[in-house]
Amino acid sequence: MQNFFSTLTAYLLVPQALAQSADPDSKTLADIIKVVWNTLISPAITFLFLAATVIFIWGLVEFIMNADNDDARSRGKRHIAWGVFGMFIMVATGAILFLFQNFFESI
């Protein structure tokens, strides 16, 4: 009977012992997501938002400077539209990723 309880205890306690991290400074999923967010995603979103803003401003300048040329005005309108679209996509992407980050921090 003693052998049975020893074996049962070993089977019940070993999985918990093995599930513990050997490194007390190990990173959790939230820590990994935070590092990826701060080093890759946030700068990429900022850069792409800046690029969309430059395209928007370029289209605005092109639209105003070429008031007499219909071809250039339509090209300016397209740049304005794509710039606004790009800014919208970057803001929406940033918001969705911010929600994911907050979700994983709450786990």
N, C-alpha and C. Protein backbone atom coordinates (compact mmCIF):
# COMPACT_ATOMS: atom_id res chain seq x y z
N MET A 1 0.82 -1.19 0.00
CA MET A 1 0.00 0.00 0.00
C MET A 1 0.87 1.26 0.00
N GLN A 2 1.98 1.21 0.73
CA GLN A 2 2.91 2.34 0.77
C GLN A 2 3.44 2.64 -0.63
N ASN A 3 3.77 1.61 -1.38
CA ASN A 3 4.28 1.77 -2.73
C ASN A 3 3.22 2.41 -3.63
N PHE A 4 1.97 2.06 -3.46
CA PHE A 4 0.88 2.63 -4.26
C PHE A 4 0.75 4.13 -4.03
N PHE A 5 0.80 4.57 -2.77
CA PHE A 5 0.69 6.00 -2.48
C PHE A 5 1.91 6.77 -2.97
N SER A 6 3.07 6.17 -2.90
CA SER A 6 4.28 6.82 -3.41
C SER A 6 4.19 7.01 -4.92
N THR A 7 3.73 5.99 -5.61
CA THR A 7 3.58 6.07 -7.06
C THR A 7 2.49 7.07 -7.43
N LEU A 8 1.37 7.05 -6.74
CA LEU A 8 0.28 7.98 -7.01
C LEU A 8 0.72 9.43 -6.77
N THR A 9 1.43 9.66 -5.69
CA THR A 9 1.94 11.00 -5.40
C THR A 9 2.91 11.46 -6.48
N ALA A 10 3.76 10.57 -6.92
CA ALA A 10 4.72 10.92 -7.97
C ALA A 10 4.00 11.29 -9.26
N TYR A 11 2.98 10.53 -9.62
CA TYR A 11 2.24 10.83 -10.84
C TYR A 11 1.42 12.11 -10.74
N LEU A 12 0.98 12.44 -9.55
CA LEU A 12 0.18 13.64 -9.39
C LEU A 12 1.02 14.91 -9.25
N LEU A 13 2.20 14.82 -8.70
CA LEU A 13 3.00 16.02 -8.43
C LEU A 13 4.05 16.31 -9.49
N VAL A 14 4.50 15.31 -10.21
CA VAL A 14 5.55 15.54 -11.20
C VAL A 14 5.09 16.47 -12.32
N PRO A 15 3.88 16.36 -12.87
CA PRO A 15 3.49 17.30 -13.93
C PRO A 15 3.51 18.76 -13.47
N GLN A 16 3.12 19.04 -12.24
CA GLN A 16 3.16 20.41 -11.75
C GLN A 16 4.60 20.89 -11.61
N ALA A 17 5.48 20.02 -11.17
CA ALA A 17 6.88 20.40 -11.02
C ALA A 17 7.52 20.64 -12.38
N LEU A 18 7.17 19.85 -13.37
CA LEU A 18 7.75 20.02 -14.70
C LEU A 18 7.15 21.22 -15.42
N ALA A 19 5.97 21.63 -15.04
CA ALA A 19 5.33 22.77 -15.69
C ALA A 19 5.92 24.09 -15.25
N GLN A 20 6.66 24.09 -14.16
CA GLN A 20 7.25 25.32 -13.66
C GLN A 20 8.44 25.70 -14.53
N SER A 21 8.63 26.97 -14.67
CA SER A 21 9.74 27.47 -15.47
C SER A 21 11.04 27.34 -14.68
N ALA A 22 12.09 26.95 -15.37
CA ALA A 22 13.39 26.85 -14.72
C ALA A 22 14.01 28.23 -14.53
N ASP A 23 13.65 29.15 -15.40
CA ASP A 23 14.20 30.50 -15.33
C ASP A 23 13.16 31.42 -14.69
N PRO A 24 13.49 32.04 -13.56
CA PRO A 24 12.49 32.92 -12.94
C PRO A 24 12.23 34.19 -13.73
N ASP A 25 13.12 34.54 -14.66
CA ASP A 25 12.94 35.73 -15.49
C ASP A 25 12.39 35.38 -16.86
N SER A 26 11.72 34.25 -16.99
CA SER A 26 11.20 33.85 -18.30
C SER A 26 10.09 34.80 -18.72
N LYS A 27 9.94 34.93 -20.01
CA LYS A 27 8.97 35.87 -20.56
C LYS A 27 7.63 35.17 -20.79
N THR A 28 6.58 35.92 -20.55
CA THR A 28 5.24 35.42 -20.82
C THR A 28 4.84 35.83 -22.23
N LEU A 29 3.70 35.37 -22.67
CA LEU A 29 3.20 35.73 -23.99
C LEU A 29 2.98 37.24 -24.09
N ALA A 30 2.49 37.84 -23.04
CA ALA A 30 2.27 39.30 -23.05
C ALA A 30 3.60 40.05 -23.18
N ASP A 31 4.66 39.55 -22.54
CA ASP A 31 5.97 40.20 -22.67
C ASP A 31 6.51 40.10 -24.09
N ILE A 32 6.34 38.93 -24.71
CA ILE A 32 6.80 38.74 -26.08
C ILE A 32 6.02 39.64 -27.04
N ILE A 33 4.71 39.71 -26.86
CA ILE A 33 3.89 40.58 -27.71
C ILE A 33 4.29 42.03 -27.53
N LYS A 34 4.57 42.44 -26.31
CA LYS A 34 4.97 43.82 -26.05
C LYS A 34 6.29 44.16 -26.74
N VAL A 35 7.25 43.22 -26.72
CA VAL A 35 8.54 43.45 -27.38
C VAL A 35 8.34 43.55 -28.88
N VAL A 36 7.56 42.64 -29.46
CA VAL A 36 7.31 42.68 -30.91
C VAL A 36 6.58 43.97 -31.27
N TRP A 37 5.62 44.37 -30.45
CA TRP A 37 4.88 45.60 -30.70
C TRP A 37 5.81 46.81 -30.70
N ASN A 38 6.66 46.91 -29.67
CA ASN A 38 7.51 48.09 -29.53
C ASN A 38 8.65 48.14 -30.53
N THR A 39 9.15 46.99 -30.98
CA THR A 39 10.30 47.00 -31.88
C THR A 39 9.94 46.89 -33.35
N LEU A 40 8.83 46.25 -33.68
CA LEU A 40 8.50 46.04 -35.09
C LEU A 40 7.22 46.73 -35.54
N ILE A 41 6.14 46.43 -34.89
CA ILE A 41 4.83 46.83 -35.40
C ILE A 41 4.58 48.32 -35.24
N SER A 42 4.83 48.86 -34.08
CA SER A 42 4.57 50.29 -33.85
C SER A 42 5.40 51.19 -34.77
N PRO A 43 6.71 50.94 -34.93
CA PRO A 43 7.46 51.76 -35.88
C PRO A 43 7.00 51.59 -37.33
N ALA A 44 6.60 50.37 -37.70
CA ALA A 44 6.12 50.14 -39.07
C ALA A 44 4.82 50.91 -39.32
N ILE A 45 3.91 50.88 -38.36
CA ILE A 45 2.65 51.62 -38.51
C ILE A 45 2.92 53.12 -38.59
N THR A 46 3.84 53.60 -37.75
CA THR A 46 4.18 55.02 -37.77
C THR A 46 4.78 55.42 -39.11
N PHE A 47 5.70 54.60 -39.63
CA PHE A 47 6.32 54.90 -40.92
C PHE A 47 5.30 54.89 -42.05
N LEU A 48 4.43 53.88 -42.08
CA LEU A 48 3.43 53.81 -43.14
C LEU A 48 2.40 54.94 -43.04
N PHE A 49 2.06 55.35 -41.82
CA PHE A 49 1.17 56.49 -41.65
C PHE A 49 1.84 57.76 -42.16
N LEU A 50 3.13 57.91 -41.89
CA LEU A 50 3.88 59.06 -42.39
C LEU A 50 3.93 59.04 -43.92
N ALA A 51 4.14 57.86 -44.51
CA ALA A 51 4.16 57.75 -45.97
C ALA A 51 2.79 58.12 -46.56
N ALA A 52 1.71 57.67 -45.94
CA ALA A 52 0.37 58.01 -46.42
C ALA A 52 0.11 59.50 -46.30
N THR A 53 0.62 60.13 -45.24
CA THR A 53 0.46 61.57 -45.07
C THR A 53 1.22 62.33 -46.14
N VAL A 54 2.43 61.87 -46.46
CA VAL A 54 3.22 62.51 -47.52
C VAL A 54 2.50 62.38 -48.86
N ILE A 55 1.95 61.21 -49.15
CA ILE A 55 1.20 61.02 -50.40
C ILE A 55 -0.02 61.94 -50.44
N PHE A 56 -0.71 62.07 -49.32
CA PHE A 56 -1.87 62.96 -49.25
C PHE A 56 -1.45 64.41 -49.52
N ILE A 57 -0.39 64.86 -48.86
CA ILE A 57 0.07 66.25 -49.05
C ILE A 57 0.56 66.46 -50.47
N TRP A 58 1.26 65.46 -51.03
CA TRP A 58 1.72 65.57 -52.41
C TRP A 58 0.52 65.69 -53.36
N GLY A 59 -0.51 64.91 -53.13
CA GLY A 59 -1.72 65.01 -53.95
C GLY A 59 -2.41 66.34 -53.80
N LEU A 60 -2.42 66.88 -52.59
CA LEU A 60 -3.02 68.20 -52.35
C LEU A 60 -2.26 69.29 -53.10
N VAL A 61 -0.93 69.23 -53.02
CA VAL A 61 -0.11 70.21 -53.74
C VAL A 61 -0.29 70.06 -55.24
N GLU A 62 -0.32 68.82 -55.70
CA GLU A 62 -0.51 68.56 -57.13
C GLU A 62 -1.88 69.06 -57.59
N PHE A 63 -2.89 68.89 -56.78
CA PHE A 63 -4.24 69.33 -57.12
C PHE A 63 -4.32 70.86 -57.19
N ILE A 64 -3.68 71.55 -56.24
CA ILE A 64 -3.74 73.01 -56.20
C ILE A 64 -2.86 73.64 -57.27
N MET A 65 -1.67 73.10 -57.47
CA MET A 65 -0.72 73.71 -58.41
C MET A 65 -1.15 73.54 -59.87
N ASN A 66 -1.88 72.48 -60.17
CA ASN A 66 -2.29 72.22 -61.55
C ASN A 66 -3.79 72.45 -61.72
N ALA A 67 -4.23 73.64 -61.36
CA ALA A 67 -5.66 73.94 -61.44
C ALA A 67 -6.17 73.96 -62.88
N ASP A 68 -5.28 74.22 -63.84
CA ASP A 68 -5.71 74.32 -65.23
C ASP A 68 -5.57 73.01 -66.00
N ASN A 69 -4.84 72.04 -65.48
CA ASN A 69 -4.60 70.78 -66.18
C ASN A 69 -5.47 69.68 -65.55
N ASP A 70 -6.44 69.19 -66.33
CA ASP A 70 -7.36 68.18 -65.80
C ASP A 70 -6.68 66.85 -65.49
N ASP A 71 -5.69 66.48 -66.30
CA ASP A 71 -4.96 65.23 -66.04
C ASP A 71 -4.24 65.27 -64.70
N ALA A 72 -3.54 66.36 -64.46
CA ALA A 72 -2.79 66.50 -63.21
C ALA A 72 -3.73 66.63 -62.02
N ARG A 73 -4.87 67.29 -62.22
CA ARG A 73 -5.84 67.41 -61.12
C ARG A 73 -6.41 66.04 -60.75
N SER A 74 -6.71 65.22 -61.75
CA SER A 74 -7.24 63.89 -61.45
C SER A 74 -6.17 63.01 -60.79
N ARG A 75 -4.92 63.18 -61.20
CA ARG A 75 -3.82 62.46 -60.54
C ARG A 75 -3.69 62.93 -59.09
N GLY A 76 -3.84 64.22 -58.86
CA GLY A 76 -3.81 64.76 -57.50
C GLY A 76 -4.96 64.22 -56.66
N LYS A 77 -6.15 64.13 -57.26
CA LYS A 77 -7.30 63.57 -56.54
C LYS A 77 -7.05 62.12 -56.15
N ARG A 78 -6.44 61.36 -57.06
CA ARG A 78 -6.12 59.96 -56.74
C ARG A 78 -5.12 59.87 -55.59
N HIS A 79 -4.10 60.74 -55.62
CA HIS A 79 -3.12 60.73 -54.52
C HIS A 79 -3.78 61.11 -53.20
N ILE A 80 -4.67 62.09 -53.24
CA ILE A 80 -5.40 62.48 -52.02
C ILE A 80 -6.23 61.30 -51.51
N ALA A 81 -6.95 60.64 -52.41
CA ALA A 81 -7.80 59.52 -52.00
C ALA A 81 -6.97 58.37 -51.43
N TRP A 82 -5.86 58.02 -52.11
CA TRP A 82 -5.03 56.93 -51.61
C TRP A 82 -4.33 57.31 -50.31
N GLY A 83 -3.98 58.57 -50.16
CA GLY A 83 -3.38 59.01 -48.90
C GLY A 83 -4.35 58.90 -47.74
N VAL A 84 -5.60 59.33 -47.95
CA VAL A 84 -6.62 59.21 -46.90
C VAL A 84 -6.91 57.73 -46.61
N PHE A 85 -6.98 56.93 -47.65
CA PHE A 85 -7.21 55.49 -47.48
C PHE A 85 -6.08 54.85 -46.68
N GLY A 86 -4.84 55.19 -47.02
CA GLY A 86 -3.69 54.65 -46.29
C GLY A 86 -3.68 55.07 -44.83
N MET A 87 -4.00 56.35 -44.57
CA MET A 87 -4.05 56.81 -43.18
C MET A 87 -5.15 56.07 -42.41
N PHE A 88 -6.30 55.87 -43.05
CA PHE A 88 -7.39 55.14 -42.39
C PHE A 88 -6.97 53.71 -42.07
N ILE A 89 -6.33 53.04 -43.02
CA ILE A 89 -5.89 51.66 -42.80
C ILE A 89 -4.88 51.59 -41.66
N MET A 90 -3.94 52.53 -41.60
CA MET A 90 -2.93 52.50 -40.54
C MET A 90 -3.55 52.78 -39.17
N VAL A 91 -4.51 53.70 -39.10
CA VAL A 91 -5.17 53.97 -37.82
C VAL A 91 -5.99 52.76 -37.39
N ALA A 92 -6.70 52.14 -38.33
CA ALA A 92 -7.50 50.96 -38.00
C ALA A 92 -6.61 49.79 -37.58
N THR A 93 -5.51 49.59 -38.28
CA THR A 93 -4.57 48.52 -37.91
C THR A 93 -3.98 48.76 -36.54
N GLY A 94 -3.60 49.99 -36.27
CA GLY A 94 -3.06 50.31 -34.94
C GLY A 94 -4.08 50.08 -33.85
N ALA A 95 -5.34 50.43 -34.11
CA ALA A 95 -6.39 50.24 -33.10
C ALA A 95 -6.64 48.76 -32.85
N ILE A 96 -6.70 47.97 -33.91
CA ILE A 96 -6.94 46.53 -33.74
C ILE A 96 -5.78 45.88 -33.00
N LEU A 97 -4.56 46.22 -33.36
CA LEU A 97 -3.41 45.64 -32.67
C LEU A 97 -3.32 46.11 -31.23
N PHE A 98 -3.74 47.34 -30.96
CA PHE A 98 -3.78 47.83 -29.59
C PHE A 98 -4.78 47.03 -28.76
N LEU A 99 -5.93 46.70 -29.36
CA LEU A 99 -6.92 45.87 -28.67
C LEU A 99 -6.37 44.48 -28.39
N PHE A 100 -5.67 43.88 -29.37
CA PHE A 100 -5.05 42.58 -29.16
C PHE A 100 -4.02 42.63 -28.03
N GLN A 101 -3.22 43.69 -28.03
CA GLN A 101 -2.21 43.82 -26.99
C GLN A 101 -2.86 43.92 -25.61
N ASN A 102 -3.90 44.70 -25.49
CA ASN A 102 -4.60 44.81 -24.20
C ASN A 102 -5.28 43.50 -23.81
N PHE A 103 -5.77 42.77 -24.80
CA PHE A 103 -6.40 41.48 -24.52
C PHE A 103 -5.39 40.50 -23.95
N PHE A 104 -4.20 40.41 -24.57
CA PHE A 104 -3.20 39.47 -24.10
C PHE A 104 -2.58 39.89 -22.77
N GLU A 105 -2.58 41.18 -22.47
CA GLU A 105 -2.09 41.63 -21.17
C GLU A 105 -3.06 41.24 -20.06
N SER A 106 -4.35 41.14 -20.39
CA SER A 106 -5.34 40.82 -19.37
C SER A 106 -5.43 39.32 -19.09
N ILE A 107 -4.79 38.51 -19.92
CA ILE A 107 -4.84 37.05 -19.71
C ILE A 107 -3.92 36.67 -18.58
